[in-house]
């Protein structure tokens, strides 16, 4: 197991911490880009959704262990299956949008007056 020794546990924690930021930061950037005026509300709802997902994952994992008599080590395969289903659902329902073209802004005050 990864958490059997302190060194492997610290390495695993560092990898976990780095990979969480890889997902959350671009997601927050996209939410702010979609509606800058509602950024605070969107980021709050996004954080709430993440914590609800974490709670549901832990709760459903515990129920699976109890009801299906699964050992903790065997939960990886069902969790991967659920993740793949969620990814497929997302890929089939996401709307493709063309990239936004930034508006050109004058670089100097003289151009702004013209």
PDB file of N, CA and C in Angstrom:
ATOM      1  N   UNK A   1       0.833  -1.197   0.000  1.00  0.00           N
ATOM      2  CA  UNK A   1       0.000   0.000   0.000  1.00  0.00           C
ATOM      3  C   UNK A   1       0.869   1.248   0.000  1.00  0.00           C
ATOM      4  N   UNK A   2       0.334   2.289  -0.568  1.00  0.00           N
ATOM      5  CA  UNK A   2       1.078   3.546  -0.686  1.00  0.00           C
ATOM      6  C   UNK A   2       1.277   4.194   0.678  1.00  0.00           C
ATOM      7  N   UNK A   3       0.326   4.056   1.557  1.00  0.00           N
ATOM      8  CA  UNK A   3       0.401   4.735   2.854  1.00  0.00           C
ATOM      9  C   UNK A   3       1.059   3.885   3.934  1.00  0.00           C
ATOM     10  N   UNK A   4       1.777   2.852   3.555  1.00  0.00           N
ATOM     11  CA  UNK A   4       2.419   1.990   4.545  1.00  0.00           C
ATOM     12  C   UNK A   4       3.639   2.645   5.176  1.00  0.00           C
ATOM     13  N   UNK A   5       4.301   3.542   4.466  1.00  0.00           N
ATOM     14  CA  UNK A   5       5.492   4.213   4.986  1.00  0.00           C
ATOM     15  C   UNK A   5       5.301   5.720   4.865  1.00  0.00           C
ATOM     16  N   UNK A   6       5.978   6.450   5.698  1.00  0.00           N
ATOM     17  CA  UNK A   6       5.834   7.904   5.721  1.00  0.00           C
ATOM     18  C   UNK A   6       6.284   8.539   4.404  1.00  0.00           C
ATOM     19  N   UNK A   7       7.379   8.078   3.847  1.00  0.00           N
ATOM     20  CA  UNK A   7       7.909   8.679   2.619  1.00  0.00           C
ATOM     21  C   UNK A   7       6.925   8.499   1.467  1.00  0.00           C
ATOM     22  N   UNK A   8       6.416   7.283   1.283  1.00  0.00           N
ATOM     23  CA  UNK A   8       5.468   7.058   0.189  1.00  0.00           C
ATOM     24  C   UNK A   8       4.170   7.818   0.421  1.00  0.00           C
ATOM     25  N   UNK A   9       3.780   7.989   1.664  1.00  0.00           N
ATOM     26  CA  UNK A   9       2.582   8.773   1.973  1.00  0.00           C
ATOM     27  C   UNK A   9       2.784  10.239   1.613  1.00  0.00           C
ATOM     28  N   UNK A  10       3.949  10.786   1.932  1.00  0.00           N
ATOM     29  CA  UNK A  10       4.233  12.182   1.598  1.00  0.00           C
ATOM     30  C   UNK A  10       4.296  12.396   0.088  1.00  0.00           C
ATOM     31  N   UNK A  11       4.885  11.446  -0.640  1.00  0.00           N
ATOM     32  CA  UNK A  11       4.936  11.543  -2.106  1.00  0.00           C
ATOM     33  C   UNK A  11       3.521  11.494  -2.672  1.00  0.00           C
ATOM     34  N   UNK A  12       2.717  10.571  -2.185  1.00  0.00           N
ATOM     35  CA  UNK A  12       1.330  10.455  -2.645  1.00  0.00           C
ATOM     36  C   UNK A  12       0.551  11.736  -2.341  1.00  0.00           C
ATOM     37  N   UNK A  13       0.729  12.309  -1.176  1.00  0.00           N
ATOM     38  CA  UNK A  13       0.032  13.551  -0.821  1.00  0.00           C
ATOM     39  C   UNK A  13       0.459  14.705  -1.725  1.00  0.00           C
ATOM     40  N   UNK A  14       1.738  14.775  -2.071  1.00  0.00           N
ATOM     41  CA  UNK A  14       2.221  15.833  -2.965  1.00  0.00           C
ATOM     42  C   UNK A  14       1.634  15.668  -4.363  1.00  0.00           C
ATOM     43  N   UNK A  15       1.599  14.449  -4.868  1.00  0.00           N
ATOM     44  CA  UNK A  15       1.010  14.200  -6.186  1.00  0.00           C
ATOM     45  C   UNK A  15      -0.473  14.542  -6.170  1.00  0.00           C
ATOM     46  N   UNK A  16      -1.169  14.130  -5.131  1.00  0.00           N
ATOM     47  CA  UNK A  16      -2.604  14.415  -4.997  1.00  0.00           C
ATOM     48  C   UNK A  16      -2.847  15.924  -4.978  1.00  0.00           C
ATOM     49  N   UNK A  17      -2.095  16.640  -4.199  1.00  0.00           N
ATOM     50  CA  UNK A  17      -2.271  18.087  -4.109  1.00  0.00           C
ATOM     51  C   UNK A  17      -2.006  18.795  -5.424  1.00  0.00           C
ATOM     52  N   UNK A  18      -1.005  18.350  -6.151  1.00  0.00           N
ATOM     53  CA  UNK A  18      -0.685  18.978  -7.438  1.00  0.00           C
ATOM     54  C   UNK A  18      -1.755  18.686  -8.481  1.00  0.00           C
ATOM     55  N   UNK A  19      -2.280  17.487  -8.500  1.00  0.00           N
ATOM     56  CA  UNK A  19      -3.268  17.137  -9.514  1.00  0.00           C
ATOM     57  C   UNK A  19      -4.627  17.753  -9.257  1.00  0.00           C
ATOM     58  N   UNK A  20      -4.968  18.030  -8.032  1.00  0.00           N
ATOM     59  CA  UNK A  20      -6.246  18.686  -7.751  1.00  0.00           C
ATOM     60  C   UNK A  20      -6.250  20.097  -8.335  1.00  0.00           C
ATOM     61  N   UNK A  21      -5.155  20.811  -8.201  1.00  0.00           N
ATOM     62  CA  UNK A  21      -5.065  22.164  -8.747  1.00  0.00           C
ATOM     63  C   UNK A  21      -5.111  22.194 -10.260  1.00  0.00           C
ATOM     64  N   UNK A  22      -4.671  21.135 -10.905  1.00  0.00           N
ATOM     65  CA  UNK A  22      -4.673  21.073 -12.359  1.00  0.00           C
ATOM     66  C   UNK A  22      -6.103  21.117 -12.890  1.00  0.00           C
ATOM     67  N   UNK A  23      -7.043  20.605 -12.163  1.00  0.00           N
ATOM     68  CA  UNK A  23      -8.438  20.573 -12.602  1.00  0.00           C
ATOM     69  C   UNK A  23      -9.203  21.815 -12.161  1.00  0.00           C
ATOM     70  N   UNK A  24      -9.056  22.203 -10.924  1.00  0.00           N
ATOM     71  CA  UNK A  24      -9.896  23.249 -10.344  1.00  0.00           C
ATOM     72  C   UNK A  24      -9.579  24.635 -10.907  1.00  0.00           C
ATOM     73  N   UNK A  25      -8.327  24.974 -11.058  1.00  0.00           N
ATOM     74  CA  UNK A  25      -7.961  26.322 -11.498  1.00  0.00           C
ATOM     75  C   UNK A  25      -8.493  26.641 -12.894  1.00  0.00           C
ATOM     76  N   UNK A  26      -8.298  25.779 -13.916  1.00  0.00           N
ATOM     77  CA  UNK A  26      -8.890  26.095 -15.222  1.00  0.00           C
ATOM     78  C   UNK A  26     -10.423  26.135 -15.191  1.00  0.00           C
ATOM     79  N   UNK A  27     -11.006  25.297 -14.353  1.00  0.00           N
ATOM     80  CA  UNK A  27     -12.461  25.299 -14.234  1.00  0.00           C
ATOM     81  C   UNK A  27     -12.943  26.644 -13.678  1.00  0.00           C
ATOM     82  N   UNK A  28     -12.274  27.156 -12.678  1.00  0.00           N
ATOM     83  CA  UNK A  28     -12.644  28.455 -12.125  1.00  0.00           C
ATOM     84  C   UNK A  28     -12.411  29.569 -13.148  1.00  0.00           C
ATOM     85  N   UNK A  29     -11.336  29.488 -13.898  1.00  0.00           N
ATOM     86  CA  UNK A  29     -11.053  30.492 -14.924  1.00  0.00           C
ATOM     87  C   UNK A  29     -12.165  30.514 -15.968  1.00  0.00           C
ATOM     88  N   UNK A  30     -12.605  29.344 -16.383  1.00  0.00           N
ATOM     89  CA  UNK A  30     -13.680  29.275 -17.378  1.00  0.00           C
ATOM     90  C   UNK A  30     -14.979  29.846 -16.833  1.00  0.00           C
ATOM     91  N   UNK A  31     -15.294  29.570 -15.598  1.00  0.00           N
ATOM     92  CA  UNK A  31     -16.519  30.113 -15.004  1.00  0.00           C
ATOM     93  C   UNK A  31     -16.479  31.634 -14.958  1.00  0.00           C
ATOM     94  N   UNK A  32     -15.345  32.189 -14.577  1.00  0.00           N
ATOM     95  CA  UNK A  32     -15.217  33.649 -14.521  1.00  0.00           C
ATOM     96  C   UNK A  32     -15.306  34.239 -15.926  1.00  0.00           C
ATOM     97  N   UNK A  33     -14.720  33.565 -16.915  1.00  0.00           N
ATOM     98  CA  UNK A  33     -14.779  34.064 -18.293  1.00  0.00           C
ATOM     99  C   UNK A  33     -16.202  34.035 -18.837  1.00  0.00           C
ATOM    100  N   UNK A  34     -17.014  33.076 -18.401  1.00  0.00           N
ATOM    101  CA  UNK A  34     -18.394  32.989 -18.878  1.00  0.00           C
ATOM    102  C   UNK A  34     -19.241  34.151 -18.394  1.00  0.00           C
ATOM    103  N   UNK A  35     -19.032  34.566 -17.155  1.00  0.00           N
ATOM    104  CA  UNK A  35     -19.823  35.673 -16.614  1.00  0.00           C
ATOM    105  C   UNK A  35     -19.039  36.380 -15.513  1.00  0.00           C
ATOM    106  N   UNK A  36     -18.218  37.362 -15.878  1.00  0.00           N
ATOM    107  CA  UNK A  36     -17.409  38.057 -14.871  1.00  0.00           C
ATOM    108  C   UNK A  36     -18.252  38.746 -13.801  1.00  0.00           C
ATOM    109  N   UNK A  37     -19.430  39.223 -14.161  1.00  0.00           N
ATOM    110  CA  UNK A  37     -20.267  39.926 -13.188  1.00  0.00           C
ATOM    111  C   UNK A  37     -20.771  38.990 -12.086  1.00  0.00           C
ATOM    112  N   UNK A  38     -20.934  37.723 -12.406  1.00  0.00           N
ATOM    113  CA  UNK A  38     -21.445  36.758 -11.431  1.00  0.00           C
ATOM    114  C   UNK A  38     -20.346  35.835 -10.919  1.00  0.00           C
ATOM    115  N   UNK A  39     -19.099  36.267 -11.003  1.00  0.00           N
ATOM    116  CA  UNK A  39     -17.968  35.400 -10.661  1.00  0.00           C
ATOM    117  C   UNK A  39     -18.044  34.874  -9.233  1.00  0.00           C
ATOM    118  N   UNK A  40     -18.377  35.722  -8.282  1.00  0.00           N
ATOM    119  CA  UNK A  40     -18.402  35.270  -6.884  1.00  0.00           C
ATOM    120  C   UNK A  40     -19.454  34.189  -6.661  1.00  0.00           C
ATOM    121  N   UNK A  41     -20.623  34.371  -7.251  1.00  0.00           N
ATOM    122  CA  UNK A  41     -21.693  33.373  -7.101  1.00  0.00           C
ATOM    123  C   UNK A  41     -21.293  32.077  -7.799  1.00  0.00           C
ATOM    124  N   UNK A  42     -20.757  32.182  -9.008  1.00  0.00           N
ATOM    125  CA  UNK A  42     -20.365  30.989  -9.751  1.00  0.00           C
ATOM    126  C   UNK A  42     -19.267  30.203  -9.033  1.00  0.00           C
ATOM    127  N   UNK A  43     -18.285  30.900  -8.496  1.00  0.00           N
ATOM    128  CA  UNK A  43     -17.214  30.208  -7.779  1.00  0.00           C
ATOM    129  C   UNK A  43     -17.731  29.556  -6.495  1.00  0.00           C
ATOM    130  N   UNK A  44     -18.663  30.221  -5.824  1.00  0.00           N
ATOM    131  CA  UNK A  44     -19.265  29.636  -4.628  1.00  0.00           C
ATOM    132  C   UNK A  44     -20.065  28.381  -4.950  1.00  0.00           C
ATOM    133  N   UNK A  45     -20.855  28.450  -6.021  1.00  0.00           N
ATOM    134  CA  UNK A  45     -21.630  27.275  -6.433  1.00  0.00           C
ATOM    135  C   UNK A  45     -20.712  26.151  -6.898  1.00  0.00           C
ATOM    136  N   UNK A  46     -19.639  26.494  -7.590  1.00  0.00           N
ATOM    137  CA  UNK A  46     -18.683  25.491  -8.037  1.00  0.00           C
ATOM    138  C   UNK A  46     -18.040  24.787  -6.840  1.00  0.00           C
ATOM    139  N   UNK A  47     -17.628  25.550  -5.849  1.00  0.00           N
ATOM    140  CA  UNK A  47     -17.027  24.942  -4.652  1.00  0.00           C
ATOM    141  C   UNK A  47     -18.029  24.051  -3.932  1.00  0.00           C
ATOM    142  N   UNK A  48     -19.266  24.513  -3.841  1.00  0.00           N
ATOM    143  CA  UNK A  48     -20.305  23.699  -3.203  1.00  0.00           C
ATOM    144  C   UNK A  48     -20.517  22.393  -3.952  1.00  0.00           C
ATOM    145  N   UNK A  49     -20.541  22.455  -5.285  1.00  0.00           N
ATOM    146  CA  UNK A  49     -20.730  21.245  -6.080  1.00  0.00           C
ATOM    147  C   UNK A  49     -19.569  20.271  -5.883  1.00  0.00           C
ATOM    148  N   UNK A  50     -18.355  20.804  -5.784  1.00  0.00           N
ATOM    149  CA  UNK A  50     -17.196  19.937  -5.568  1.00  0.00           C
ATOM    150  C   UNK A  50     -17.314  19.230  -4.216  1.00  0.00           C
ATOM    151  N   UNK A  51     -17.669  19.965  -3.174  1.00  0.00           N
ATOM    152  CA  UNK A  51     -17.777  19.353  -1.843  1.00  0.00           C
ATOM    153  C   UNK A  51     -18.944  18.376  -1.763  1.00  0.00           C
ATOM    154  N   UNK A  52     -20.036  18.661  -2.456  1.00  0.00           N
ATOM    155  CA  UNK A  52     -21.159  17.711  -2.491  1.00  0.00           C
ATOM    156  C   UNK A  52     -20.712  16.427  -3.182  1.00  0.00           C
ATOM    157  N   UNK A  53     -19.946  16.565  -4.279  1.00  0.00           N
ATOM    158  CA  UNK A  53     -19.433  15.381  -4.975  1.00  0.00           C
ATOM    159  C   UNK A  53     -18.506  14.556  -4.098  1.00  0.00           C
ATOM    160  N   UNK A  54     -17.652  15.228  -3.351  1.00  0.00           N
ATOM    161  CA  UNK A  54     -16.748  14.508  -2.450  1.00  0.00           C
ATOM    162  C   UNK A  54     -17.541  13.771  -1.371  1.00  0.00           C
ATOM    163  N   UNK A  55     -18.544  14.441  -0.814  1.00  0.00           N
ATOM    164  CA  UNK A  55     -19.365  13.813   0.224  1.00  0.00           C
ATOM    165  C   UNK A  55     -20.151  12.625  -0.337  1.00  0.00           C
ATOM    166  N   UNK A  56     -20.732  12.805  -1.515  1.00  0.00           N
ATOM    167  CA  UNK A  56     -21.483  11.702  -2.123  1.00  0.00           C
ATOM    168  C   UNK A  56     -20.567  10.528  -2.457  1.00  0.00           C
ATOM    169  N   UNK A  57     -19.377  10.822  -2.948  1.00  0.00           N
ATOM    170  CA  UNK A  57     -18.436   9.749  -3.262  1.00  0.00           C
ATOM    171  C   UNK A  57     -18.070   8.939  -2.031  1.00  0.00           C
ATOM    172  N   UNK A  58     -17.784   9.624  -0.935  1.00  0.00           N
ATOM    173  CA  UNK A  58     -17.466   8.915   0.298  1.00  0.00           C
ATOM    174  C   UNK A  58     -18.657   8.138   0.838  1.00  0.00           C
ATOM    175  N   UNK A  59     -19.832   8.759   0.777  1.00  0.00           N
ATOM    176  CA  UNK A  59     -21.036   8.091   1.265  1.00  0.00           C
ATOM    177  C   UNK A  59     -21.398   6.873   0.430  1.00  0.00           C
ATOM    178  N   UNK A  60     -21.360   7.023  -0.890  1.00  0.00           N
ATOM    179  CA  UNK A  60     -21.684   5.894  -1.761  1.00  0.00           C
ATOM    180  C   UNK A  60     -20.637   4.789  -1.667  1.00  0.00           C
ATOM    181  N   UNK A  61     -19.379   5.168  -1.487  1.00  0.00           N
ATOM    182  CA  UNK A  61     -18.335   4.162  -1.289  1.00  0.00           C
ATOM    183  C   UNK A  61     -18.554   3.375  -0.004  1.00  0.00           C
ATOM    184  N   UNK A  62     -18.952   4.069   1.047  1.00  0.00           N
ATOM    185  CA  UNK A  62     -19.246   3.388   2.305  1.00  0.00           C
ATOM    186  C   UNK A  62     -20.447   2.464   2.191  1.00  0.00           C
ATOM    187  N   UNK A  63     -21.488   2.933   1.499  1.00  0.00           N
ATOM    188  CA  UNK A  63     -22.659   2.079   1.289  1.00  0.00           C
ATOM    189  C   UNK A  63     -22.321   0.865   0.430  1.00  0.00           C
ATOM    190  N   UNK A  64     -21.492   1.054  -0.580  1.00  0.00           N
ATOM    191  CA  UNK A  64     -21.085  -0.072  -1.423  1.00  0.00           C
ATOM    192  C   UNK A  64     -20.319  -1.104  -0.609  1.00  0.00           C
ATOM    193  N   UNK A  65     -19.474  -0.637   0.289  1.00  0.00           N
ATOM    194  CA  UNK A  65     -18.742  -1.572   1.149  1.00  0.00           C
ATOM    195  C   UNK A  65     -19.695  -2.352   2.044  1.00  0.00           C
ATOM    196  N   UNK A  66     -20.688  -1.660   2.578  1.00  0.00           N
ATOM    197  CA  UNK A  66     -21.605  -2.310   3.509  1.00  0.00           C
ATOM    198  C   UNK A  66     -22.599  -3.222   2.783  1.00  0.00           C
ATOM    199  N   UNK A  67     -23.260  -2.711   1.776  1.00  0.00           N
ATOM    200  CA  UNK A  67     -24.327  -3.460   1.110  1.00  0.00           C
ATOM    201  C   UNK A  67     -23.804  -4.561   0.204  1.00  0.00           C
ATOM    202  N   UNK A  68     -22.716  -4.308  -0.495  1.00  0.00           N
ATOM    203  CA  UNK A  68     -22.196  -5.281  -1.452  1.00  0.00           C
ATOM    204  C   UNK A  68     -21.026  -6.076  -0.900  1.00  0.00           C
ATOM    205  N   UNK A  69     -20.680  -5.843   0.333  1.00  0.00           N
ATOM    206  CA  UNK A  69     -19.574  -6.526   1.003  1.00  0.00           C
ATOM    207  C   UNK A  69     -18.275  -6.404   0.201  1.00  0.00           C
ATOM    208  N   UNK A  70     -18.013  -5.181  -0.258  1.00  0.00           N
ATOM    209  CA  UNK A  70     -16.787  -4.921  -0.994  1.00  0.00           C
ATOM    210  C   UNK A  70     -15.687  -4.484  -0.036  1.00  0.00           C
ATOM    211  N   UNK A  71     -14.495  -4.958  -0.287  1.00  0.00           N
ATOM    212  CA  UNK A  71     -13.342  -4.504   0.486  1.00  0.00           C
ATOM    213  C   UNK A  71     -12.916  -3.139  -0.056  1.00  0.00           C
ATOM    214  N   UNK A  72     -12.337  -2.290   0.788  1.00  0.00           N
ATOM    215  CA  UNK A  72     -11.912  -0.969   0.313  1.00  0.00           C
ATOM    216  C   UNK A  72     -10.996  -1.039  -0.911  1.00  0.00           C
ATOM    217  N   UNK A  73     -10.157  -2.043  -1.004  1.00  0.00           N
ATOM    218  CA  UNK A  73      -9.234  -2.156  -2.134  1.00  0.00           C
ATOM    219  C   UNK A  73      -9.951  -2.475  -3.440  1.00  0.00           C
ATOM    220  N   UNK A  74     -11.166  -2.979  -3.376  1.00  0.00           N
ATOM    221  CA  UNK A  74     -11.896  -3.343  -4.596  1.00  0.00           C
ATOM    222  C   UNK A  74     -12.802  -2.224  -5.102  1.00  0.00           C
ATOM    223  N   UNK A  75     -12.810  -1.071  -4.453  1.00  0.00           N
ATOM    224  CA  UNK A  75     -13.672   0.033  -4.880  1.00  0.00           C
ATOM    225  C   UNK A  75     -13.114   0.801  -6.073  1.00  0.00           C
ATOM    226  N   UNK A  76     -11.867   0.600  -6.412  1.00  0.00           N
ATOM    227  CA  UNK A  76     -11.252   1.338  -7.512  1.00  0.00           C
ATOM    228  C   UNK A  76     -11.907   1.070  -8.854  1.00  0.00           C
ATOM    229  N   UNK A  77     -12.195  -0.178  -9.155  1.00  0.00           N
ATOM    230  CA  UNK A  77     -12.789  -0.517 -10.446  1.00  0.00           C
ATOM    231  C   UNK A  77     -14.205   0.056 -10.600  1.00  0.00           C
ATOM    232  N   UNK A  78     -15.100  -0.105  -9.612  1.00  0.00           N
ATOM    233  CA  UNK A  78     -16.416   0.536  -9.753  1.00  0.00           C
ATOM    234  C   UNK A  78     -16.312   2.065  -9.835  1.00  0.00           C
ATOM    235  N   UNK A  79     -15.396   2.668  -9.097  1.00  0.00           N
ATOM    236  CA  UNK A  79     -15.224   4.123  -9.155  1.00  0.00           C
ATOM    237  C   UNK A  79     -14.732   4.547 -10.531  1.00  0.00           C
ATOM    238  N   UNK A  80     -13.826   3.787 -11.115  1.00  0.00           N
ATOM    239  CA  UNK A  80     -13.358   4.097 -12.471  1.00  0.00           C
ATOM    240  C   UNK A  80     -14.487   3.960 -13.477  1.00  0.00           C
ATOM    241  N   UNK A  81     -15.342   2.959 -13.301  1.00  0.00           N
ATOM    242  CA  UNK A  81     -16.493   2.787 -14.191  1.00  0.00           C
ATOM    243  C   UNK A  81     -17.455   3.954 -14.119  1.00  0.00           C
ATOM    244  N   UNK A  82     -17.729   4.426 -12.920  1.00  0.00           N
ATOM    245  CA  UNK A  82     -18.614   5.580 -12.747  1.00  0.00           C
ATOM    246  C   UNK A  82     -17.981   6.828 -13.356  1.00  0.00           C
ATOM    247  N   UNK A  83     -16.674   6.981 -13.196  1.00  0.00           N
ATOM    248  CA  UNK A  83     -15.973   8.124 -13.779  1.00  0.00           C
ATOM    249  C   UNK A  83     -16.047   8.086 -15.300  1.00  0.00           C
ATOM    250  N   UNK A  84     -15.877   6.928 -15.887  1.00  0.00           N
ATOM    251  CA  UNK A  84     -15.962   6.797 -17.344  1.00  0.00           C
ATOM    252  C   UNK A  84     -17.377   7.113 -17.826  1.00  0.00           C
ATOM    253  N   UNK A  85     -18.385   6.630 -17.108  1.00  0.00           N
ATOM    254  CA  UNK A  85     -19.769   6.957 -17.475  1.00  0.00           C
ATOM    255  C   UNK A  85     -20.025   8.457 -17.409  1.00  0.00           C
ATOM    256  N   UNK A  86     -19.519   9.109 -16.372  1.00  0.00           N
ATOM    257  CA  UNK A  86     -19.695  10.560 -16.252  1.00  0.00           C
ATOM    258  C   UNK A  86     -18.978  11.291 -17.377  1.00  0.00           C
ATOM    259  N   UNK A  87     -17.792  10.837 -17.736  1.00  0.00           N
ATOM    260  CA  UNK A  87     -17.054  11.456 -18.834  1.00  0.00           C
ATOM    261  C   UNK A  87     -17.795  11.286 -20.157  1.00  0.00           C
ATOM    262  N   UNK A  88     -18.308  10.094 -20.416  1.00  0.00           N
ATOM    263  CA  UNK A  88     -19.070   9.864 -21.641  1.00  0.00           C
ATOM    264  C   UNK A  88     -20.331  10.718 -21.682  1.00  0.00           C
ATOM    265  N   UNK A  89     -21.006  10.840 -20.552  1.00  0.00           N
ATOM    266  CA  UNK A  89     -22.192  11.702 -20.483  1.00  0.00           C
ATOM    267  C   UNK A  89     -21.806  13.146 -20.806  1.00  0.00           C
ATOM    268  N   UNK A  90     -20.724  13.604 -20.219  1.00  0.00           N
ATOM    269  CA  UNK A  90     -20.274  14.975 -20.471  1.00  0.00           C
ATOM    270  C   UNK A  90     -19.929  15.182 -21.940  1.00  0.00           C
ATOM    271  N   UNK A  91     -19.200  14.252 -22.526  1.00  0.00           N
ATOM    272  CA  UNK A  91     -18.787  14.404 -23.914  1.00  0.00           C
ATOM    273  C   UNK A  91     -19.969  14.381 -24.881  1.00  0.00           C
ATOM    274  N   UNK A  92     -21.050  13.693 -24.528  1.00  0.00           N
ATOM    275  CA  UNK A  92     -22.211  13.648 -25.409  1.00  0.00           C
ATOM    276  C   UNK A  92     -23.150  14.831 -25.203  1.00  0.00           C
ATOM    277  N   UNK A  93     -23.049  15.525 -24.097  1.00  0.00           N
ATOM    278  CA  UNK A  93     -23.982  16.620 -23.833  1.00  0.00           C
ATOM    279  C   UNK A  93     -23.355  18.006 -23.915  1.00  0.00           C
ATOM    280  N   UNK A  94     -22.041  18.095 -23.963  1.00  0.00           N
ATOM    281  CA  UNK A  94     -21.386  19.400 -23.982  1.00  0.00           C
ATOM    282  C   UNK A  94     -21.644  20.077 -25.328  1.00  0.00           C
ATOM    283  N   UNK A  95     -21.880  21.365 -25.272  1.00  0.00           N
ATOM    284  CA  UNK A  95     -22.077  22.145 -26.491  1.00  0.00           C
ATOM    285  C   UNK A  95     -20.728  22.650 -26.977  1.00  0.00           C
ATOM    286  N   UNK A  96     -20.478  22.476 -28.227  1.00  0.00           N
ATOM    287  CA  UNK A  96     -19.238  22.977 -28.818  1.00  0.00           C
ATOM    288  C   UNK A  96     -19.431  24.449 -29.159  1.00  0.00           C
ATOM    289  N   UNK A  97     -18.571  25.287 -28.640  1.00  0.00           N
ATOM    290  CA  UNK A  97     -18.626  26.722 -28.910  1.00  0.00           C
ATOM    291  C   UNK A  97     -17.343  27.140 -29.604  1.00  0.00           C
ATOM    292  N   UNK A  98     -17.465  28.046 -30.560  1.00  0.00           N
ATOM    293  CA  UNK A  98     -16.225  28.553 -31.159  1.00  0.00           C
ATOM    294  C   UNK A  98     -15.480  29.404 -30.139  1.00  0.00           C
ATOM    295  N   UNK A  99     -14.161  29.470 -30.230  1.00  0.00           N
ATOM    296  CA  UNK A  99     -13.415  30.286 -29.269  1.00  0.00           C
ATOM    297  C   UNK A  99     -13.818  31.751 -29.378  1.00  0.00           C
ATOM    298  N   UNK A 100     -13.902  32.388 -28.234  1.00  0.00           N
ATOM    299  CA  UNK A 100     -14.285  33.797 -28.195  1.00  0.00           C
ATOM    300  C   UNK A 100     -13.161  34.650 -28.772  1.00  0.00           C
ATOM    301  N   UNK A 101     -13.547  35.627 -29.558  1.00  0.00           N
ATOM    302  CA  UNK A 101     -12.578  36.551 -30.137  1.00  0.00           C
ATOM    303  C   UNK A 101     -12.507  37.766 -29.221  1.00  0.00           C
ATOM    304  N   UNK A 102     -11.341  38.062 -28.659  1.00  0.00           N
ATOM    305  CA  UNK A 102     -11.248  39.221 -27.765  1.00  0.00           C
ATOM    306  C   UNK A 102     -11.459  40.520 -28.536  1.00  0.00           C
ATOM    307  N   UNK A 103     -12.131  41.446 -27.889  1.00  0.00           N
ATOM    308  CA  UNK A 103     -12.342  42.754 -28.494  1.00  0.00           C
ATOM    309  C   UNK A 103     -11.040  43.528 -28.474  1.00  0.00           C
ATOM    310  N   UNK A 104     -10.761  44.209 -29.562  1.00  0.00           N
ATOM    311  CA  UNK A 104      -9.528  44.995 -29.600  1.00  0.00           C
ATOM    312  C   UNK A 104      -9.757  46.278 -28.819  1.00  0.00           C
ATOM    313  N   UNK A 105      -8.794  46.613 -28.008  1.00  0.00           N
ATOM    314  CA  UNK A 105      -8.866  47.836 -27.213  1.00  0.00           C
ATOM    315  C   UNK A 105      -7.724  48.744 -27.626  1.00  0.00           C
ATOM    316  N   UNK A 106      -7.960  50.043 -27.635  1.00  0.00           N
ATOM    317  CA  UNK A 106      -6.876  50.956 -28.016  1.00  0.00           C
ATOM    318  C   UNK A 106      -5.735  50.871 -27.019  1.00  0.00           C
ATOM    319  N   UNK A 107      -4.517  50.913 -27.550  1.00  0.00           N
ATOM    320  CA  UNK A 107      -3.349  50.781 -26.684  1.00  0.00           C
ATOM    321  C   UNK A 107      -2.890  52.112 -26.131  1.00  0.00           C
ATOM    322  N   UNK A 108      -3.272  53.203 -26.772  1.00  0.00           N
ATOM    323  CA  UNK A 108      -2.858  54.515 -26.288  1.00  0.00           C
ATOM    324  C   UNK A 108      -4.081  55.425 -26.215  1.00  0.00           C
ATOM    325  N   UNK A 109      -4.044  56.427 -25.350  1.00  0.00           N
ATOM    326  CA  UNK A 109      -5.187  57.350 -25.250  1.00  0.00           C
ATOM    327  C   UNK A 109      -5.455  58.098 -26.556  1.00  0.00           C
ATOM    328  N   UNK A 110      -4.439  58.332 -27.371  1.00  0.00           N
ATOM    329  CA  UNK A 110      -4.632  59.055 -28.633  1.00  0.00           C
ATOM    330  C   UNK A 110      -5.546  58.263 -29.575  1.00  0.00           C
ATOM    331  N   UNK A 111      -5.372  56.953 -29.605  1.00  0.00           N
ATOM    332  CA  UNK A 111      -6.203  56.133 -30.464  1.00  0.00           C
ATOM    333  C   UNK A 111      -7.644  56.084 -29.953  1.00  0.00           C
ATOM    334  N   UNK A 112      -7.807  56.186 -28.647  1.00  0.00           N
ATOM    335  CA  UNK A 112      -9.143  56.134 -28.077  1.00  0.00           C
ATOM    336  C   UNK A 112      -9.941  57.362 -28.444  1.00  0.00           C
ATOM    337  N   UNK A 113      -9.281  58.507 -28.608  1.00  0.00           N
ATOM    338  CA  UNK A 113      -9.992  59.755 -28.934  1.00  0.00           C
ATOM    339  C   UNK A 113     -10.354  59.825 -30.418  1.00  0.00           C
ATOM    340  N   UNK A 114      -9.626  59.111 -31.250  1.00  0.00           N
ATOM    341  CA  UNK A 114      -9.846  59.213 -32.702  1.00  0.00           C
ATOM    342  C   UNK A 114     -11.118  58.561 -33.165  1.00  0.00           C
TER     343      UNK A 114
END
